[in-house]
Each structure stands twice: as structure tokens, then as C-alpha cells.
């Protein structure tokens, strides 16, 4: 089930000028290409601007940065309303409050998914937004499966190769057939029913 409702939608994407924010923008653009509506990009500074000139500088910087990033994507439809917001305060609180003010349908935030002290520094904002948001939250992170967390093993290279070589007909290598089983069930959209197939090596 798609957590994002049918168009038009109001999307809020939080950006912080990091490389990860490029991924946030790409997901936002892809979502809006399929749904249309309003795309709001929010940047939150920890401190308030010291003057009107500083405030104008921050706004100009945000507009220039988002413009460059949007130009580097496949392209956001002209029918989509794009709005940039510059704010200050606690990032998680501001993101959640802005989502509420806009009555957003979905919020997109980024995280590096680190653990321990690094998680507190880099992932606490995303975690807080997920817990407090009044709408679905899409948390994006770089796709890196090679370095599994301590309790999660990295994917088996032979299993990955098996899926590629069989074009998805086989999921697991010979060694892992026992762990995952050989029976897989697929949904046939045309027939509107599930089909169980016993895959062979």
C-alpha cells in the first residue's frame, strides 16, 4: 500500500545543504512527478539571523542552492508549486510544526543511519520527526548494504549474484536455500490472486 495519497499532495522536504540533501530532493521530485501538488523545501538554521540583511542573505542562499539542485534532477513538473522556506530553531520541532501548518501529506527527511554518538548527532532529527509528525514520514539514506549493522549481516554476495544472473527467477544461492526455503509466493495482478511456485536451482 502506498503511504502517499493520490494527487494533489502537499510535500515537505527538509534540507540542510549536505550531500544527503541531494537525495532528499531527488525523492521529493520523483514523488511530485507522480502526484503533483505542492513541494515545500525547508531549511532550518539553529540560530536566528542577526539582521534583516543576514535574513535576506540566508533566503538568497537557500533559493540559489535549491534551484541548482532542482536543475540537476530529471525535472519537476511545471504544474507543481515549489516553495522554499528558511527558518530557525530546533530542526525537528520546526519541521514538525511546518508540516502541521501546511497540513502536509508527507514529510521527507534524510539520515545517515549511524549508531551510538554518531546517531545522536546525525539521526536524532529524523527520529524525532518520525515520532512527532502528524503525517507519513519518508526517511531517506544512501543505499549501502555492504556494511551491515552488528545484528544484521551484509547480503550474501552469491545470493545477490544469483538474483542478477537469474533475472529474479531465483532469490537465494544454494547455501542459503535451506535458511530461506524454496517456496515463494507472487501476486498476479492480472488474475487478482496469489501464485505459489516452487523455484528450482
Foldseek 3Di string as FASTA:
>chain_A
DDQFDADDFEEEEEDAPDPQSLVSVQVQQVVCVRHAEEYEYEYEAADDQPDPVSVVVVVVVQVVVVVVSQVPYPHHDPRYHYYYYYYYHDLLVVSQVVCVVVVGQEYEYEFQPDDDPVCVVTPPSVVSNCVRHPHYYHYDHDDDQCDDDPVDHRDDPQQVVVCVVVVNLGRGDPVCCVVVPQKDWDQDPVVRGIDIDGGDD
